[in-house]
Every structure is written in C-alpha cells, then in structure tokens.
Amino acid sequence: LATLRGHAAEISDMAVNYENTLLAAGSCDKMIRVWCLQTCAPLAVLEGHSASITSLQFSPLCSGNKRFLSSTGADGTICFWQWDARTLKFGQRPSKFIERPRPGVQMICSSFSAGGMFLATGSTDHIIRVYYFGNGQPEKISELESHTITFLSINLCLCRFVSGSRDGTARIWQLQQQDWRSILLDMFIYGIPQDLTSSDKVTKLKVTMVAWDCNDNTVITAANNLTLKVWNSYTGNLIHVLMGHEDEVFVLEPHPFDSRVLFSAGHDGNAIVWDLARGVKIRSYFNMIEGQGHGAVFDCKCSPDGQHFACTDSHGHLLIFGFGSSSRYDKIADQMFFHTDYRPLIRDAHNFVLDEQTQQAPHLMPPPFLVDVDGNPHPPRYQRLVPGRENCREEQLIPQMGLTSSGKKRRQTVSLWSLSWHIFDIHIRQPEPHKYAGSVYNYSDYSSDYSDWTADAGINLEPPKKTSVKKKKKKNASSSEEDGEKKKDSKKERRKEKQDKDGALPKKKKIPELQNQGLTLEEWLPSAWITDTMPRRCPFTPQMGDEVYYFRQGHEAYVEMAKKNKIFSINPKKQPWHKLELREQELLKIVGIKYEVGLPTLCCLKLAFLDPDTGKLTGGSFSMKYHDMPDVIDFLVLRQQFDNARQRNWMIGDRFRAVIDDAWWFGTIESQEPYQAEYPDSLFQCYNVCWDNGDTEKMSPWDMEEIPNEAFPDELGLSVPLTEEEQKALLYKPLEGEWGSRTRDQECERIIRGIDQLCTLDVAAPFELPVDLQAYPAYCTVVAYVTDLSTIRQRLQNRFYRRMSSLMWEVRYIEHNAQTFNEPGAFIVKTAKFVSDLMLQFIKDQSCTDIIPLYNSMKKTAFSDSSDQPILRSMRSKPSSDPQSWKGRCRELLELIFQCEDSEPFRQPVDLEEYPDYLDIVDTPMDFGTVLNRLLEGEYDTPVDLCKDIRLIFSNSKAYTPSKKSRIYSMSLRLSALFEEHISSILTHFKAAQSLHSERFTRQRQHTERLTRQSVKRRRSSSPSSSASSKTAEPSSRVLRTQNSHSIGASRETESSAVPHTNEGGSRESRRKLRTPVKLTPGQ
C-alpha cells in the first residue's frame, strides 16, 4: 500500500504502462503526473492542457526505447507525450493537435489499437478522429462524421473500432481499401422491452458504453434502456439481449482470455458476470450500503489471470472479487490509510511537491502509521505491515498522540474514502465515506441488516443495548479549529437523542405496503410458528445461539416453492449457494435474528460457520430469509437432534414412529437412497418409508424415532396421541453453562417470580399484556415480532427458551418494538428501555430473587430528568396511523440531507450569473431549500409530490453536468441513493396510514347511518296520532342523544388518559380509568 500525493483536484483518469512500471494520472487541475510503481517516486509533471484531463492512454507501440502517452482534454486538444523506456524521461513539449473547430468542443475519449499503430478519439463535435503512428510520430489520417449526436464511447481493435453515440446507434468501423466503412448497430430495432420503451425514464435512446470480447468476434453495447446487446462484429447481427440492470450501465469489461465472459456494472449498484455464449448471468452482486441505499459502480477492471476483478463505487469504496478463500486478506485491516495522507503540501516552480511539515518529498518520508478512516491508529500487528516497520520494537509501533489546548487528542485528518476486500464467499463491513462519522454500512444481497443484533460474531448473543437517550453536552472549551461544529436547536437535539453514539440518524423500520386492500389487519399478524408459546420439535423455531445443521437441498426446495407460489418477492440468484461453496450440509450457529413485516412475516437469520471439531466459529457467515411453509421440510435441524439421530443405525424393514401434529404416526423403512443424486452422502430425506395407512414418503433420520414396546396403536394405520412426558423428552436438553451456574428449571422459576413482581408496578403496565389491535390496528403492520411480559412468562413456564441468551434476546424486543412503532422521543420508548434493562439486569444476576430493590435503584437514574412528572403522563405519542405524520418524517429526512456534505451545491438555487446557460439546459430549476420551504408552508399534499421535486433536483444536476467523472455527478448519485433509501419507508407508511384512515372513516359513517336508521324505525313504529307522535318523539330523540353522548364521553375519557390525574386522593375507580387506556400503548 502506498499513497501518491500531488494532485490538487479530482483525478479523472489513470493509466499503467504495458511494462507495469509507470502510473500516470490526469486530473481536473489540468496536470498529468507520472510515478514509478517500484519506488513511488514522481517522474514527471506534464502540463499541456488548459482544461481538465478527460482520458489518458499509454500506447502499446514499442519502437526501440521510444514510447508514447496520449491525453485528451476538455479544451478540445489531444497531446502525445514521448518518453524513453530506458531512462523513464518524459519530454515536456508534446505533439499537440487542437481539434476545436468551434468554442465548447471537448475531446472526451480515446482508444489505442492492440498494437498501438492507431488511436481513435471521440469529441463533442460528432467527429471521430483517427491518428496513425506508422511514420514514427503521430499524424491524423481520418475524420469520420457519421453520428449525429454527441459521441460517447469508443473501443478500437486492430484495424476495426466500434463507436457509440447519444443518437441511439453504434457503428463498427473497418479500414477497407484505404477507406473507413461502418456497420450500423441500431438500438431501436432489436430487443427493446415494451415496459422500458414506454417508460418516462427512457425518453431518448442513447448508447452509454461499447466493448469488444477478447477475440474480437462480438461487440457488446450498453444503452440507457437498461439492456446490453451482443452483436456479431462481422455481420452486425444481434446475438443476445442481456437484461439485469436497473439503471444505466457505464462499465463493460471483457475477460482477458475467455471470450464467453463479460463483466458489467452501472449506477444501479449491480456488478454482473455474463456468459456471452448463452446470454445468461453467471453471477451478480449488489453493492448495498445500509442507510445510504446502493453505491453506484463507476469502474471495473479484470486481473490479467482472469481470477479477480475490482470495482470502485460512488462512495469511494474499492471492491475486489475473486475465487477461493479470503485468508490472504484476513491479516490486514478493512480501513487502511496513512496518517500523512492529507497533510498540506508545498509546490516548487515545476509543480513537484514537498510535505509542508517535513520539507521532504512524500516518497522519501519515514514510514507512516496505518490508521482507520477517522485517523485512529491500528494495533501494532497491523503497523508491522507498513514497509520499513517490519522490525520495529513494540513501543515504536504505537504513535504518540499530541494534545490540543483543550486537552483533547489531536488526530490527523484522513481521507473520506475507505477500502474493502470482498471475495465471493465473505461479507466485510465498511464505513460510509463522505457523510458523517459513525455510519457503518454493510455490503449484502439482502435488505435486512443483522449487525444490530449480533456482537463479536455471535460470542455475545444478547441484542445490543441501545445508547442512552440523553446525551451530555460538552462543557470544555474548544480551540478555533474545533469550533466548526454548529450548535443545534432544541428540535435537532431531541432528534439526536435517537442517534447512535457517533451521531448517525437511526434507520426507520419499513412499513409494508398494503398491496391487497381486501385483507384485514389481523392477517398481518405473524403465524403461529412465530407466536407459539409451546416448544415444538417441528417446525423448527430459531433462537439465538442455536447450533444447527443447514441442508442446502431443503433450502433450495423452499426457494423453489416460494417462487412457484409467489408467496413473496425472492431472487433465487441471490441465495447463499450462489455466493459460497456450500456443501450438502453445514454446521452453523445462529448469531443474528430479525423479523420482517409482510405477508408472510419473514425470519431473517445470520448464520456463522462452526468448526465441528473445536466448536469455534471459523469466521465465515451468510444471511437468509425464510418462513414456515406447509409441505416444505425443515432445512435447519438442531445439532443435538442431528447427533442423536446419527447414532441410530436404521436398516431397511425397521419400524419407526414420527411426530405429526402432536401425535405419533407409524411406518416402515422400505429403502435408502439420496434425495438428489448430486449429493450422495446427504442424510436429508434419504429414506423411503411406507406409513401404516399405505402412504409413501421420504423421511430424514432425525424425524424418526424408535418404537417402545407398549406404544403401538390399537389399530394399524391409526395414530397415538403424544403425551406430555414424551413431548418433553423430544425437546432440546440445555448444555452446561447455557443457563449460567444453575439449571433451566431453577432459572425459569426465578425469572417468573421476578416478572410477577414487576407486573405489580405501574411502569410495567403498558407491556404486561399483548397490544390490543382493536385500539391500535396499525401495530401489526409495523411490528413483526410481537411480545410482552405475559408472553415471556408463559414461555418460561413451558420451558420454551433453549438458553438464557434466547430469553434475553426476546426481552430486548420489548424495547425494540416500542422504538419501531412510536415516534422518536416518545416517553414510552424510554419506559420500554427501562423495563428491558431492568429485566436483563435481573436475569443476569442469578443471585437476585427480588426485582423491587433493583427497580428502586435503577429508576433514579432512568427517570431523573422527568421525576417531577408521572410516568404515565407522556406515554401517549402521535399515532403512527396519522396520515399527516409523513410531513415530520420528510422534514427529518431533509435535515439529514442538509447535514451531508454532498448536498452543499443543491441547498440554494443555482446562481444564474455564475452559470448563465443553466436555464438553456434545465427547464425547471429546483433545490433543497425550496423543497424545505414548500414543505413547511404546506404546499405538498402528499409525499409523492415532494419526491417529484427532489428527483427533479437530481435529474437537473445530471442534465447540466453529464460528465460521469465530475464531482457534482458523483455527489448527485450518492444523495439520490440516500434519499431513495429513506423515502421508501415514508411512502409505504403514508399509504398504509391513508388506508387505515379511510377504513376508520367508513366505519364511523356506517355507524352513524345505522343509528339514524334505528331512530327512524322507532319513529315509524309509534302511534299515528299527533299527540302520540309528540310523546314518542321525545324519547326517541333522547335515545339518540344518549347514544351520541356515550360516544362523546368515551372519546373524552380516552383524551383524559393522556394527561395526569390531579386528584391523588380520588377513588380507585378513577385511577383505573386513567391506567386502562395507557395500558394499551406499547405500540404508540
């Protein structure tokens, strides 16, 4: 690892010479810098352009020691820099061609032929220029003008080259009889999907990238209709249309020697490996960054041996893919920076640089320290990896941190980029650059993130404690350098109370969209598989810390069934066996569990690999989603159950019994054969059995039990009920230490008594019983795993939990659910945290038998900031079913965007004096400041209207700054991904709230109509005489008023529960009325 310093602006292009000894970099500072790759010494600073460098190419042509480096610029010029391969000296006066027939023309791309004899360039004046090196010096031999719109990309091969354009065509050019002739590849003619052509997004078809395969037999084009097309390079016939990307593709990289393989990547964050011979995907990878959406992939290169390829993305990450194990990279840190990377530089007259502090050239400075993205030094074992520090003593590997005048440690400023190594079979966490400190992101094929529920890869299986709600303000004075942090107003401080310790805004739980309005809210409840309080052997219910055997065949069968029945959106290509080399059975440990609301509710597991011999984690892991599905066999089996089954030696003809629906059913083993021929050693469904009723089926050995002599049914083919003793015998037997120093029975009884004591306190009232869905109908559409103290107590009585960490995980979910359902800052969230922490502390202290003293000691600190108010006073928060709640969340999202550094150019309207041509390109200007003002003034009726304006900001930015290499373009992509990640939950929440509000209004209208009909009916049934009519009218009217007053009274009673009861000496009945509504508020 080395850092090459010197450029003063963004690097726009880089190139390595064919001897692999030099690196050249062009920048927006108009300069080209060349370094020696062996010594990292700067060799040349080349100045020949008056605008940004747009492309840089080393010529493969070898003519003695003479070599060429070509560069194109936004000033409309191309320069050829001659250098000596022996001395590595560059000439300072290039051969320069000014190709600018009119103002504003830019040279934007270039490509050498394989032998370096030809160079083709493209520019914004629609002309392709070809240069020839056969006479020793470059000379222009052709100008080709066939594309009608600005030229985009070019790739040259021997005496042929391919060009692509914004006019929706590509051309294959060939030199024939001293004339360049072309074959037209028209993107409009072939294979445009109807849903894309009719979409508003694709208004005009454009070619975004072109490439050859390694044998030059096919040409691949990418267009903005999100398709890739494979063409015969000799005839121009279309071979395949490749679909898989969801945004524009700007990266096409052929395999270096296998003409069938192509890598593609684009702004959708997908990197895909294609089989060009069959026209199908081989592998795909989605660059998901939690909390920020996806990272757009900007570039990709394949290694010469074809075993690895590397990508860079919009967030500054480097991704390396390859075959085999990641063990080579395990000894290095994920974030690698030197503490000297961003120290100030000084420049001499020739633009060579020196470090300002040491007055030395950067490559001659002492070995620096290796630090992370925040400037914190890595441990000594990593410091030894720095060249020059291999033999240093331990104390020399620990940097000395200076102190500022305020007593704080001074840290070096480090880059906003981070580095990640990614192999096909591993996941590596990474920090998000360019944002605010403390945001941690994860690359994953799944939307759910499991990091919040795991610690130290499963060593600590308790869900992490949330950070304290109130943050202490810093009292010490800061230096002028540290005063840059702006003071936040009280509203922002309240919002920050929900942030983590580093200041990252918490991610909102996504609310599923009510796709089928015919469903009732009760149907959103999790299935009995999740809510059952009785322990059962089948179906398997995962718990934290479970050691299980995973059977790939069963998981594949589940995925096929889910896909076939269209139960939920599932991508078979993103399943773990496509990322990892999974055997037919793997020993794993459940180190993360989350549940997702949906139809059905999904269980999201993170599974870590276990060494069968040592029982220790090996370091690898993968994630999966599933649910219990009828007619699909469990593919996760407890290790204890599997080991017991393996000890039995079943033979053909043996009788067995199995538990189905809480009853014993009997059968005979007929034969043994693998479930699938490709897994001959797998025990999954390996027995063909015949039930006593004549049915045949495949069975796994762990589902079969031996038959005691007295256990046969009275009649062949019937079942025998499962007794309570037999049920217990089949269940998991806790291992030593899983319940601390005591037995499970002792601990369960102790904790049950603690819960009983806790439920006598008012603080536990909101969490004592399940949430009343009649009062809070939206609860089940937001909270996936419902739980409460009574449910936990019942499960303890039934010995449901297999270990203490499983119990602690569920206790923490009380707090998790309160945070998910309620608005940030609601007092009930703080109360839920207190109850969860109190229970966890009680569970951990096995010597504690009375929870009341522990409650008294903990409540002083938990409620010290609001001790003058009753706990029940502020438990009511804004209902999540409020259709107007989206405005507050959108305001928070805009505040988050304003905090991002990337939003700076978009916070205010564009200065038309500085950019006078802006309105010529952009029809409707928009900025975040305008959006925020419109939101605060109530101009948006729905969040959809706000989305249109914000998306207009990003489309305007891309239209005015179309260069993919520009800083503004990258900032737009990052902000767009951030916005889309957060707005999706707001939109689905709004739609769900609208539906609930409409349903509630309909019920109220129907109720009013029913009362009216009843009143009219009573009037008609009265006497026809006027006197009788007058006599009966009054009671009828009174009946109607009684009904209304009862309704109003109920409403007032509900409202009164939101305020404290001032009459402390009042009746017990009045206090009960105050408590009863609040008891139903854990979901508020």
Foldseek 3Di string as FASTA:
>chain_A
DDFQDFDPAAWQEWEAAPVRFKIWTWGQVQWIWIAGPVQRHTAAIEHDDPGGWQYKYWFLADDPQWTWIWTWGQQQKIWIWIAGNVVRHIDRDTDMDRRDPDPRKGWHDKEAEPNRQKMWTFIQVQWIWIWGCPVPHIDTDDIDHDDPGGWAEKYHYDQWIKTWWQQQWIWIWGQDPNDIDIDIQHNVPDDQDPVLVPDPVPPHKGWQYKDAAQVRQWIWTWIQSQWIWIAGSPHRHTDEIAHDDDGGWNEWEHQNPDRQWIWTFFLQQKIWIGGNVVRYTQAIFHQAWPLQFGWGWDYKYADNVRFKMWIATLQQEIEIEGDDDPVVVPQEDQFWDFLQNDADWDADPSSQIARPPPRHRVSPDAFTFTAGQAQHGDQLSNRCVTPPNVPPDRVVNHDDFDADPLGDTDGRHTDQHTYGYDYLFAWDKDAGGLFFPDRITTGAPDNDDFVQQFDPQQPQRFRDAADAQADDDDDTDDDPVPPPDDDDDPVVNLQQSCPGPRRDRDAAFFFFFCPDLVDALVLQAADCLQQPLFAFQPPDDDFAFFWKKFAPVLVVVQVVVCVVVVQDDDDPSRDNVVRDVDARIFTWGFRGWDWHGDSHIKIKTKIFGADPVPRDTPRTIHMDIDDDDPPRHDRIHGPVLVVVLVVDDDDFQAKWWFDDPQWIWIWGFHDFADPDPVRGPDQQLGTWIATQVGDIGGHGSSRIHHDDPPQDDPDGPDIGGHDPVNRVVSDDDADPCLQHNDHLLLLLVLLLLQLVLVCVDLLQLLQADWFDCVVQVCLSSFGHRTHGSVSLNSSSVNVNDRGLSRSLNVLVVLLVLLVNQADRPQLLSLSSSLSSVLSVVQSVPSVDRYSVVVSVVSVCVSCVVPVVFDSLQRNDGDGLLPLPVLLVVVLVLLVSLVSRPLQVVQADWDDCVVVVCLCVFQVDTAGSVVLNVCSVVVVDPHVVVSVVRLVSNLVSQCRVVVDCSDPNNSSSSSNVSSVVSRVSSSRSSSSNSVSVVVVVVVVVVVVVVVLVVVLVVQLVPWDPDPVRSVVSNVVSVVVSVVVVVVVVVVVVLLVVLNHDDPPPVDDPVNVCSNSVNSSNRSSD
